[in-house]
All heavy atoms as atom14 arrays in JSON, in Angstrom:
{
  "sequence": "DGHYFHNGKVVPAEGFCTDVFFDQAKKFIRAQTEKKQPFLAYIALN",
  "atom14_mask": [
    [1, 1, 1, 1, 1, 1, 1, 1, 0, 0, 0, 0, 0, 0],
    [1, 1, 1, 1, 0, 0, 0, 0, 0, 0, 0, 0, 0, 0],
    [1, 1, 1, 1, 1, 1, 1, 1, 1, 1, 0, 0, 0, 0],
    [1, 1, 1, 1, 1, 1, 1, 1, 1, 1, 1, 1, 0, 0],
    [1, 1, 1, 1, 1, 1, 1, 1, 1, 1, 1, 0, 0, 0],
    [1, 1, 1, 1, 1, 1, 1, 1, 1, 1, 0, 0, 0, 0],
    [1, 1, 1, 1, 1, 1, 1, 1, 0, 0, 0, 0, 0, 0],
    [1, 1, 1, 1, 0, 0, 0, 0, 0, 0, 0, 0, 0, 0],
    [1, 1, 1, 1, 1, 1, 1, 1, 1, 0, 0, 0, 0, 0],
    [1, 1, 1, 1, 1, 1, 1, 0, 0, 0, 0, 0, 0, 0],
    [1, 1, 1, 1, 1, 1, 1, 0, 0, 0, 0, 0, 0, 0],
    [1, 1, 1, 1, 1, 1, 1, 0, 0, 0, 0, 0, 0, 0],
    [1, 1, 1, 1, 1, 0, 0, 0, 0, 0, 0, 0, 0, 0],
    [1, 1, 1, 1, 1, 1, 1, 1, 1, 0, 0, 0, 0, 0],
    [1, 1, 1, 1, 0, 0, 0, 0, 0, 0, 0, 0, 0, 0],
    [1, 1, 1, 1, 1, 1, 1, 1, 1, 1, 1, 0, 0, 0],
    [1, 1, 1, 1, 1, 1, 0, 0, 0, 0, 0, 0, 0, 0],
    [1, 1, 1, 1, 1, 1, 1, 0, 0, 0, 0, 0, 0, 0],
    [1, 1, 1, 1, 1, 1, 1, 1, 0, 0, 0, 0, 0, 0],
    [1, 1, 1, 1, 1, 1, 1, 0, 0, 0, 0, 0, 0, 0],
    [1, 1, 1, 1, 1, 1, 1, 1, 1, 1, 1, 0, 0, 0],
    [1, 1, 1, 1, 1, 1, 1, 1, 1, 1, 1, 0, 0, 0],
    [1, 1, 1, 1, 1, 1, 1, 1, 0, 0, 0, 0, 0, 0],
    [1, 1, 1, 1, 1, 1, 1, 1, 1, 0, 0, 0, 0, 0],
    [1, 1, 1, 1, 1, 0, 0, 0, 0, 0, 0, 0, 0, 0],
    [1, 1, 1, 1, 1, 1, 1, 1, 1, 0, 0, 0, 0, 0],
    [1, 1, 1, 1, 1, 1, 1, 1, 1, 0, 0, 0, 0, 0],
    [1, 1, 1, 1, 1, 1, 1, 1, 1, 1, 1, 0, 0, 0],
    [1, 1, 1, 1, 1, 1, 1, 1, 0, 0, 0, 0, 0, 0],
    [1, 1, 1, 1, 1, 1, 1, 1, 1, 1, 1, 0, 0, 0],
    [1, 1, 1, 1, 1, 0, 0, 0, 0, 0, 0, 0, 0, 0],
    [1, 1, 1, 1, 1, 1, 1, 1, 1, 0, 0, 0, 0, 0],
    [1, 1, 1, 1, 1, 1, 1, 0, 0, 0, 0, 0, 0, 0],
    [1, 1, 1, 1, 1, 1, 1, 1, 1, 0, 0, 0, 0, 0],
    [1, 1, 1, 1, 1, 1, 1, 1, 1, 0, 0, 0, 0, 0],
    [1, 1, 1, 1, 1, 1, 1, 1, 1, 0, 0, 0, 0, 0],
    [1, 1, 1, 1, 1, 1, 1, 1, 1, 0, 0, 0, 0, 0],
    [1, 1, 1, 1, 1, 1, 1, 0, 0, 0, 0, 0, 0, 0],
    [1, 1, 1, 1, 1, 1, 1, 1, 1, 1, 1, 0, 0, 0],
    [1, 1, 1, 1, 1, 1, 1, 1, 0, 0, 0, 0, 0, 0],
    [1, 1, 1, 1, 1, 0, 0, 0, 0, 0, 0, 0, 0, 0],
    [1, 1, 1, 1, 1, 1, 1, 1, 1, 1, 1, 1, 0, 0],
    [1, 1, 1, 1, 1, 1, 1, 1, 0, 0, 0, 0, 0, 0],
    [1, 1, 1, 1, 1, 0, 0, 0, 0, 0, 0, 0, 0, 0],
    [1, 1, 1, 1, 1, 1, 1, 1, 0, 0, 0, 0, 0, 0],
    [1, 1, 1, 1, 1, 1, 1, 1, 0, 0, 0, 0, 0, 0]
  ],
  "atom14_positions": [
    [[-25.45, -10.66, 30.67], [-26.82, -10.54, 30.14], [-27.63, -9.54, 30.88], [-28.75, -9.83, 31.3], [-27.45, -11.94, 30.14], [-26.74, -12.99, 29.34], [-26.03, -12.61, 28.39], [-26.82, -14.2, 29.71], [0.0, 0.0, 0.0], [0.0, 0.0, 0.0], [0.0, 0.0, 0.0], [0.0, 0.0, 0.0], [0.0, 0.0, 0.0], [0.0, 0.0, 0.0]],
    [[-27.08, -8.36, 30.99], [-27.74, -7.29, 31.74], [-28.66, -6.41, 30.94], [-28.92, -6.64, 29.76], [0.0, 0.0, 0.0], [0.0, 0.0, 0.0], [0.0, 0.0, 0.0], [0.0, 0.0, 0.0], [0.0, 0.0, 0.0], [0.0, 0.0, 0.0], [0.0, 0.0, 0.0], [0.0, 0.0, 0.0], [0.0, 0.0, 0.0], [0.0, 0.0, 0.0]],
    [[-29.17, -5.4, 31.58], [-29.88, -4.29, 30.98], [-29.1, -3.03, 31.29], [-28.56, -2.84, 32.4], [-31.31, -4.19, 31.48], [-32.23, -5.22, 31.04], [-32.17, -6.56, 31.48], [-33.26, -5.21, 30.15], [-33.09, -7.29, 30.87], [-33.77, -6.5, 30.06], [0.0, 0.0, 0.0], [0.0, 0.0, 0.0], [0.0, 0.0, 0.0], [0.0, 0.0, 0.0]],
    [[-29.07, -2.1, 30.31], [-28.26, -0.87, 30.47], [-29.04, 0.32, 29.95], [-30.11, 0.2, 29.32], [-26.96, -1.0, 29.72], [-26.15, -2.22, 30.2], [-26.02, -3.37, 29.43], [-25.53, -2.19, 31.44], [-25.33, -4.46, 29.85], [-24.76, -3.26, 31.9], [-24.69, -4.4, 31.12], [-23.99, -5.47, 31.56], [0.0, 0.0, 0.0], [0.0, 0.0, 0.0]],
    [[-28.54, 1.52, 30.29], [-29.12, 2.77, 29.87], [-28.45, 3.17, 28.55], [-27.26, 3.45, 28.53], [-28.94, 3.87, 30.91], [-29.6, 3.55, 32.22], [-28.87, 3.09, 33.28], [-30.98, 3.76, 32.41], [-29.49, 2.84, 34.54], [-31.58, 3.51, 33.62], [-30.84, 3.03, 34.66], [0.0, 0.0, 0.0], [0.0, 0.0, 0.0], [0.0, 0.0, 0.0]],
    [[-29.23, 3.23, 27.46], [-28.76, 3.64, 26.16], [-29.39, 4.98, 25.84], [-30.58, 5.0, 25.5], [-28.95, 2.66, 25.12], [-28.34, 3.01, 23.79], [-28.76, 2.43, 22.59], [-27.36, 3.87, 23.43], [-28.05, 2.92, 21.57], [-27.21, 3.83, 22.06], [0.0, 0.0, 0.0], [0.0, 0.0, 0.0], [0.0, 0.0, 0.0], [0.0, 0.0, 0.0]],
    [[-28.67, 6.06, 25.99], [-29.21, 7.41, 25.75], [-30.52, 7.63, 26.51], [-31.51, 8.19, 25.99], [-29.42, 7.68, 24.23], [-28.1, 7.61, 23.47], [-27.06, 8.03, 23.98], [-28.17, 7.21, 22.21], [0.0, 0.0, 0.0], [0.0, 0.0, 0.0], [0.0, 0.0, 0.0], [0.0, 0.0, 0.0], [0.0, 0.0, 0.0], [0.0, 0.0, 0.0]],
    [[-30.47, 7.13, 27.74], [-31.61, 7.34, 28.64], [-32.67, 6.29, 28.63], [-33.58, 6.29, 29.48], [0.0, 0.0, 0.0], [0.0, 0.0, 0.0], [0.0, 0.0, 0.0], [0.0, 0.0, 0.0], [0.0, 0.0, 0.0], [0.0, 0.0, 0.0], [0.0, 0.0, 0.0], [0.0, 0.0, 0.0], [0.0, 0.0, 0.0], [0.0, 0.0, 0.0]],
    [[-32.66, 5.38, 27.63], [-33.61, 4.29, 27.55], [-33.03, 2.99, 28.01], [-31.85, 2.73, 27.77], [-34.15, 4.21, 26.1], [-34.89, 5.41, 25.63], [-35.42, 5.24, 24.21], [-36.19, 6.45, 23.77], [-36.72, 6.32, 22.36], [0.0, 0.0, 0.0], [0.0, 0.0, 0.0], [0.0, 0.0, 0.0], [0.0, 0.0, 0.0], [0.0, 0.0, 0.0]],
    [[-33.86, 2.14, 28.62], [-33.37, 0.85, 29.09], [-33.36, -0.19, 27.95], [-34.37, -0.34, 27.26], [-34.25, 0.33, 30.29], [-33.83, -1.05, 30.68], [-34.2, 1.33, 31.46], [0.0, 0.0, 0.0], [0.0, 0.0, 0.0], [0.0, 0.0, 0.0], [0.0, 0.0, 0.0], [0.0, 0.0, 0.0], [0.0, 0.0, 0.0], [0.0, 0.0, 0.0]],
    [[-32.23, -0.82, 27.77], [-32.14, -1.82, 26.69], [-31.5, -3.08, 27.22], [-30.64, -3.05, 28.09], [-31.29, -1.26, 25.48], [-31.99, -0.08, 24.84], [-29.9, -0.89, 25.96], [0.0, 0.0, 0.0], [0.0, 0.0, 0.0], [0.0, 0.0, 0.0], [0.0, 0.0, 0.0], [0.0, 0.0, 0.0], [0.0, 0.0, 0.0], [0.0, 0.0, 0.0]],
    [[-31.91, -4.28, 26.67], [-31.29, -5.51, 27.1], [-29.97, -5.77, 26.34], [-29.76, -5.2, 25.29], [-32.33, -6.59, 26.72], [-32.98, -5.99, 25.52], [-33.01, -4.47, 25.77], [0.0, 0.0, 0.0], [0.0, 0.0, 0.0], [0.0, 0.0, 0.0], [0.0, 0.0, 0.0], [0.0, 0.0, 0.0], [0.0, 0.0, 0.0], [0.0, 0.0, 0.0]],
    [[-29.13, -6.55, 26.94], [-27.84, -6.9, 26.3], [-27.49, -8.33, 26.57], [-27.92, -8.94, 27.57], [-26.73, -6.03, 26.78], [0.0, 0.0, 0.0], [0.0, 0.0, 0.0], [0.0, 0.0, 0.0], [0.0, 0.0, 0.0], [0.0, 0.0, 0.0], [0.0, 0.0, 0.0], [0.0, 0.0, 0.0], [0.0, 0.0, 0.0], [0.0, 0.0, 0.0]],
    [[-26.77, -8.98, 25.68], [-26.29, -10.35, 25.88], [-24.79, -10.34, 26.02], [-24.08, -9.59, 25.29], [-26.71, -11.2, 24.65], [-28.17, -11.46, 24.53], [-28.53, -12.34, 23.35], [-27.58, -12.8, 22.68], [-29.69, -12.56, 23.1], [0.0, 0.0, 0.0], [0.0, 0.0, 0.0], [0.0, 0.0, 0.0], [0.0, 0.0, 0.0], [0.0, 0.0, 0.0]],
    [[-24.31, -11.14, 26.93], [-22.86, -11.29, 27.1], [-22.35, -10.66, 28.35], [-23.04, -10.05, 29.19], [0.0, 0.0, 0.0], [0.0, 0.0, 0.0], [0.0, 0.0, 0.0], [0.0, 0.0, 0.0], [0.0, 0.0, 0.0], [0.0, 0.0, 0.0], [0.0, 0.0, 0.0], [0.0, 0.0, 0.0], [0.0, 0.0, 0.0], [0.0, 0.0, 0.0]],
    [[-21.05, -10.73, 28.5], [-20.29, -10.2, 29.65], [-20.2, -8.7, 29.56], [-20.01, -8.18, 28.42], [-18.89, -10.83, 29.72], [-18.12, -10.44, 30.92], [-18.56, -10.68, 32.18], [-16.88, -9.82, 30.78], [-17.82, -10.32, 33.29], [-16.1, -9.43, 31.86], [-16.59, -9.69, 33.13], [0.0, 0.0, 0.0], [0.0, 0.0, 0.0], [0.0, 0.0, 0.0]],
    [[-20.34, -7.99, 30.61], [-20.48, -6.53, 30.59], [-19.32, -5.86, 29.84], [-19.56, -4.9, 29.02], [-20.62, -5.98, 32.0], [-19.33, -6.45, 33.17], [0.0, 0.0, 0.0], [0.0, 0.0, 0.0], [0.0, 0.0, 0.0], [0.0, 0.0, 0.0], [0.0, 0.0, 0.0], [0.0, 0.0, 0.0], [0.0, 0.0, 0.0], [0.0, 0.0, 0.0]],
    [[-18.11, -6.24, 30.1], [-16.97, -5.61, 29.45], [-17.03, -5.77, 27.9], [-16.82, -4.8, 27.17], [-15.62, -6.18, 29.95], [-15.52, -5.97, 31.34], [-14.46, -5.57, 29.25], [0.0, 0.0, 0.0], [0.0, 0.0, 0.0], [0.0, 0.0, 0.0], [0.0, 0.0, 0.0], [0.0, 0.0, 0.0], [0.0, 0.0, 0.0], [0.0, 0.0, 0.0]],
    [[-17.43, -6.95, 27.47], [-17.58, -7.17, 26.04], [-18.68, -6.29, 25.46], [-18.58, -5.74, 24.36], [-17.91, -8.63, 25.78], [-16.83, -9.6, 26.21], [-15.64, -9.16, 26.19], [-17.15, -10.74, 26.57], [0.0, 0.0, 0.0], [0.0, 0.0, 0.0], [0.0, 0.0, 0.0], [0.0, 0.0, 0.0], [0.0, 0.0, 0.0], [0.0, 0.0, 0.0]],
    [[-19.78, -6.13, 26.23], [-20.91, -5.35, 25.77], [-20.46, -3.89, 25.6], [-20.77, -3.22, 24.58], [-22.09, -5.42, 26.76], [-23.18, -4.41, 26.43], [-22.7, -6.84, 26.73], [0.0, 0.0, 0.0], [0.0, 0.0, 0.0], [0.0, 0.0, 0.0], [0.0, 0.0, 0.0], [0.0, 0.0, 0.0], [0.0, 0.0, 0.0], [0.0, 0.0, 0.0]],
    [[-19.77, -3.34, 26.59], [-19.37, -1.93, 26.53], [-18.41, -1.66, 25.35], [-18.49, -0.69, 24.66], [-18.76, -1.48, 27.87], [-19.75, -1.58, 29.02], [-19.28, -1.97, 30.27], [-21.08, -1.3, 28.83], [-20.2, -2.06, 31.33], [-21.97, -1.42, 29.89], [-21.54, -1.81, 31.15], [0.0, 0.0, 0.0], [0.0, 0.0, 0.0], [0.0, 0.0, 0.0]],
    [[-17.46, -2.61, 25.17], [-16.54, -2.43, 24.05], [-17.27, -2.61, 22.69], [-16.99, -1.84, 21.74], [-15.39, -3.47, 24.11], [-14.19, -2.97, 24.83], [-13.91, -3.39, 26.15], [-13.31, -2.15, 24.22], [-12.78, -2.96, 26.85], [-12.15, -1.67, 24.87], [-11.9, -2.1, 26.18], [0.0, 0.0, 0.0], [0.0, 0.0, 0.0], [0.0, 0.0, 0.0]],
    [[-18.22, -3.54, 22.62], [-18.98, -3.69, 21.39], [-19.76, -2.4, 21.04], [-19.8, -1.99, 19.84], [-19.9, -4.88, 21.47], [-19.22, -6.23, 21.44], [-18.05, -6.22, 21.07], [-19.85, -7.22, 21.78], [0.0, 0.0, 0.0], [0.0, 0.0, 0.0], [0.0, 0.0, 0.0], [0.0, 0.0, 0.0], [0.0, 0.0, 0.0], [0.0, 0.0, 0.0]],
    [[-20.34, -1.78, 22.04], [-21.06, -0.55, 21.81], [-20.12, 0.56, 21.37], [-20.44, 1.36, 20.51], [-21.83, -0.12, 23.06], [-23.01, -1.04, 23.4], [-24.08, -1.01, 22.32], [-24.41, 0.06, 21.74], [-24.67, -2.16, 22.03], [0.0, 0.0, 0.0], [0.0, 0.0, 0.0], [0.0, 0.0, 0.0], [0.0, 0.0, 0.0], [0.0, 0.0, 0.0]],
    [[-18.92, 0.63, 21.97], [-17.95, 1.61, 21.6], [-17.5, 1.42, 20.15], [-17.31, 2.39, 19.37], [-16.78, 1.57, 22.55], [0.0, 0.0, 0.0], [0.0, 0.0, 0.0], [0.0, 0.0, 0.0], [0.0, 0.0, 0.0], [0.0, 0.0, 0.0], [0.0, 0.0, 0.0], [0.0, 0.0, 0.0], [0.0, 0.0, 0.0], [0.0, 0.0, 0.0]],
    [[-17.33, 0.15, 19.75], [-16.92, -0.15, 18.4], [-17.94, 0.28, 17.39], [-17.63, 0.78, 16.29], [-16.6, -1.62, 18.25], [-15.36, -2.09, 18.98], [-15.2, -3.58, 18.9], [-14.19, -4.12, 19.9], [-14.14, -5.58, 19.85], [0.0, 0.0, 0.0], [0.0, 0.0, 0.0], [0.0, 0.0, 0.0], [0.0, 0.0, 0.0], [0.0, 0.0, 0.0]],
    [[-19.23, 0.11, 17.72], [-20.31, 0.56, 16.83], [-20.23, 2.04, 16.64], [-20.4, 2.6, 15.56], [-21.67, 0.15, 17.4], [-21.96, -1.35, 17.33], [-23.33, -1.63, 17.95], [-23.65, -3.1, 17.97], [-24.96, -3.42, 18.58], [0.0, 0.0, 0.0], [0.0, 0.0, 0.0], [0.0, 0.0, 0.0], [0.0, 0.0, 0.0], [0.0, 0.0, 0.0]],
    [[-19.99, 2.73, 17.71], [-19.88, 4.18, 17.72], [-18.69, 4.63, 16.83], [-18.78, 5.49, 15.98], [-19.69, 4.69, 19.11], [-19.39, 6.15, 19.26], [-20.3, 7.15, 19.06], [-18.05, 6.54, 19.58], [-19.98, 8.49, 19.26], [-17.69, 7.88, 19.73], [-18.64, 8.87, 19.55], [0.0, 0.0, 0.0], [0.0, 0.0, 0.0], [0.0, 0.0, 0.0]],
    [[-17.52, 3.96, 17.03], [-16.32, 4.3, 16.25], [-16.61, 4.11, 14.75], [-16.26, 4.91, 13.92], [-15.14, 3.45, 16.77], [-14.7, 3.91, 18.17], [-14.01, 3.51, 15.78], [-13.77, 2.97, 18.87], [0.0, 0.0, 0.0], [0.0, 0.0, 0.0], [0.0, 0.0, 0.0], [0.0, 0.0, 0.0], [0.0, 0.0, 0.0], [0.0, 0.0, 0.0]],
    [[-17.2, 2.95, 14.43], [-17.49, 2.65, 13.03], [-18.43, 3.71, 12.46], [-18.2, 4.21, 11.32], [-18.08, 1.24, 12.89], [-18.24, 0.75, 11.46], [-18.82, -0.62, 11.43], [-17.88, -1.66, 11.97], [-16.89, -2.2, 11.27], [-16.71, -1.85, 10.02], [-16.15, -3.13, 11.83], [0.0, 0.0, 0.0], [0.0, 0.0, 0.0], [0.0, 0.0, 0.0]],
    [[-19.47, 4.05, 13.19], [-20.44, 4.99, 12.67], [-19.82, 6.4, 12.39], [-20.09, 7.03, 11.43], [-21.59, 5.15, 13.62], [0.0, 0.0, 0.0], [0.0, 0.0, 0.0], [0.0, 0.0, 0.0], [0.0, 0.0, 0.0], [0.0, 0.0, 0.0], [0.0, 0.0, 0.0], [0.0, 0.0, 0.0], [0.0, 0.0, 0.0], [0.0, 0.0, 0.0]],
    [[-18.98, 6.82, 13.35], [-18.34, 8.16, 13.18], [-17.34, 8.12, 12.03], [-17.16, 9.15, 11.32], [-17.68, 8.59, 14.5], [-18.58, 8.6, 15.72], [-19.92, 9.15, 15.44], [-20.1, 10.25, 14.84], [-20.96, 8.42, 15.87], [0.0, 0.0, 0.0], [0.0, 0.0, 0.0], [0.0, 0.0, 0.0], [0.0, 0.0, 0.0], [0.0, 0.0, 0.0]],
    [[-16.63, 7.03, 11.89], [-15.7, 6.91, 10.8], [-16.41, 7.03, 9.41], [-15.93, 7.69, 8.51], [-14.92, 5.58, 10.86], [-14.25, 5.5, 12.17], [-13.88, 5.5, 9.76], [0.0, 0.0, 0.0], [0.0, 0.0, 0.0], [0.0, 0.0, 0.0], [0.0, 0.0, 0.0], [0.0, 0.0, 0.0], [0.0, 0.0, 0.0], [0.0, 0.0, 0.0]],
    [[-17.55, 6.34, 9.35], [-18.34, 6.42, 8.08], [-18.8, 7.88, 7.8], [-18.92, 8.26, 6.63], [-19.54, 5.46, 8.18], [-19.13, 4.01, 8.11], [-20.27, 3.03, 8.42], [-21.41, 3.56, 8.7], [-20.12, 1.8, 8.33], [0.0, 0.0, 0.0], [0.0, 0.0, 0.0], [0.0, 0.0, 0.0], [0.0, 0.0, 0.0], [0.0, 0.0, 0.0]],
    [[-19.01, 8.64, 8.83], [-19.48, 10.03, 8.7], [-18.28, 10.97, 8.5], [-18.47, 12.16, 8.31], [-20.27, 10.46, 9.94], [-21.54, 9.71, 10.18], [-22.16, 10.22, 11.47], [-23.39, 9.46, 11.9], [-23.92, 9.87, 13.2], [0.0, 0.0, 0.0], [0.0, 0.0, 0.0], [0.0, 0.0, 0.0], [0.0, 0.0, 0.0], [0.0, 0.0, 0.0]],
    [[-17.06, 10.45, 8.68], [-15.85, 11.23, 8.67], [-15.86, 12.27, 9.75], [-15.5, 13.45, 9.55], [-15.62, 11.89, 7.3], [-15.48, 10.9, 6.16], [-15.09, 11.54, 4.84], [-15.08, 10.56, 3.7], [-14.17, 9.38, 3.95], [0.0, 0.0, 0.0], [0.0, 0.0, 0.0], [0.0, 0.0, 0.0], [0.0, 0.0, 0.0], [0.0, 0.0, 0.0]],
    [[-16.34, 11.85, 10.9], [-16.5, 12.73, 12.06], [-15.46, 12.41, 13.11], [-15.32, 11.2, 13.52], [-17.92, 12.45, 12.66], [-18.18, 13.18, 13.99], [-18.8, 14.54, 13.75], [-19.2, 14.83, 12.65], [-18.8, 15.35, 14.79], [0.0, 0.0, 0.0], [0.0, 0.0, 0.0], [0.0, 0.0, 0.0], [0.0, 0.0, 0.0], [0.0, 0.0, 0.0]],
    [[-14.67, 13.39, 13.55], [-13.73, 13.07, 14.66], [-14.5, 12.69, 15.91], [-15.63, 13.18, 16.12], [-12.97, 14.38, 14.81], [-13.87, 15.46, 14.27], [-14.63, 14.78, 13.17], [0.0, 0.0, 0.0], [0.0, 0.0, 0.0], [0.0, 0.0, 0.0], [0.0, 0.0, 0.0], [0.0, 0.0, 0.0], [0.0, 0.0, 0.0], [0.0, 0.0, 0.0]],
    [[-13.93, 11.87, 16.71], [-14.65, 11.37, 17.85], [-13.8, 11.16, 19.09], [-12.56, 11.0, 19.02], [-15.37, 10.03, 17.55], [-14.43, 8.9, 17.18], [-13.78, 8.18, 18.21], [-14.12, 8.6, 15.85], [-12.88, 7.15, 17.9], [-13.25, 7.57, 15.52], [-12.64, 6.88, 16.53], [0.0, 0.0, 0.0], [0.0, 0.0, 0.0], [0.0, 0.0, 0.0]],
    [[-14.49, 11.21, 20.26], [-13.94, 10.8, 21.56], [-14.74, 9.55, 21.94], [-15.96, 9.67, 22.13], [-14.02, 11.88, 22.57], [-13.89, 11.39, 24.02], [-12.45, 10.89, 24.34], [-14.26, 12.51, 25.02], [0.0, 0.0, 0.0], [0.0, 0.0, 0.0], [0.0, 0.0, 0.0], [0.0, 0.0, 0.0], [0.0, 0.0, 0.0], [0.0, 0.0, 0.0]],
    [[-14.12, 8.42, 22.06], [-14.76, 7.22, 22.64], [-14.16, 7.02, 24.04], [-13.04, 6.5, 24.17], [-14.51, 6.01, 21.76], [0.0, 0.0, 0.0], [0.0, 0.0, 0.0], [0.0, 0.0, 0.0], [0.0, 0.0, 0.0], [0.0, 0.0, 0.0], [0.0, 0.0, 0.0], [0.0, 0.0, 0.0], [0.0, 0.0, 0.0], [0.0, 0.0, 0.0]],
    [[-14.93, 7.39, 25.02], [-14.52, 7.29, 26.43], [-15.1, 5.94, 26.95], [-16.27, 5.82, 27.21], [-15.06, 8.48, 27.22], [-14.84, 8.44, 28.73], [-13.56, 8.31, 29.26], [-15.91, 8.55, 29.58], [-13.39, 8.27, 30.61], [-15.76, 8.53, 30.98], [-14.46, 8.4, 31.48], [-14.3, 8.42, 32.84], [0.0, 0.0, 0.0], [0.0, 0.0, 0.0]],
    [[-14.22, 4.95, 27.06], [-14.58, 3.59, 27.47], [-14.16, 3.39, 28.92], [-13.0, 3.12, 29.21], [-13.97, 2.54, 26.55], [-14.3, 2.92, 25.05], [-14.5, 1.18, 26.92], [-13.54, 2.03, 24.06], [0.0, 0.0, 0.0], [0.0, 0.0, 0.0], [0.0, 0.0, 0.0], [0.0, 0.0, 0.0], [0.0, 0.0, 0.0], [0.0, 0.0, 0.0]],
    [[-15.1, 3.6, 29.84], [-14.82, 3.53, 31.24], [-15.42, 2.27, 31.8], [-16.65, 2.19, 31.9], [-15.37, 4.82, 31.94], [0.0, 0.0, 0.0], [0.0, 0.0, 0.0], [0.0, 0.0, 0.0], [0.0, 0.0, 0.0], [0.0, 0.0, 0.0], [0.0, 0.0, 0.0], [0.0, 0.0, 0.0], [0.0, 0.0, 0.0], [0.0, 0.0, 0.0]],
    [[-14.58, 1.31, 32.17], [-15.1, -0.01, 32.5], [-15.37, -0.13, 34.0], [-14.71, 0.5, 34.82], [-14.09, -1.08, 32.07], [-13.67, -1.0, 30.58], [-12.55, -1.96, 30.29], [-14.91, -1.29, 29.7], [0.0, 0.0, 0.0], [0.0, 0.0, 0.0], [0.0, 0.0, 0.0], [0.0, 0.0, 0.0], [0.0, 0.0, 0.0], [0.0, 0.0, 0.0]],
    [[-16.29, -0.99, 34.4], [-16.5, -1.32, 35.79], [-15.58, -2.45, 36.2], [-15.37, -2.64, 37.44], [-17.94, -1.76, 36.03], [-18.37, -2.96, 35.22], [-18.36, -2.92, 33.99], [-18.7, -4.05, 35.88], [0.0, 0.0, 0.0], [0.0, 0.0, 0.0], [0.0, 0.0, 0.0], [0.0, 0.0, 0.0], [0.0, 0.0, 0.0], [0.0, 0.0, 0.0]]
  ]
}
């Protein structure tokens, strides 16, 4: 249940950090797929 930097802004999050980072990566993957945009999702865990 931490706070993180999202594109430079501080945002709250719920849940375990690893789950949060993967969930954000999945949102990114889904959004780029809808745009038919090739992507790099660099998921670097603590």
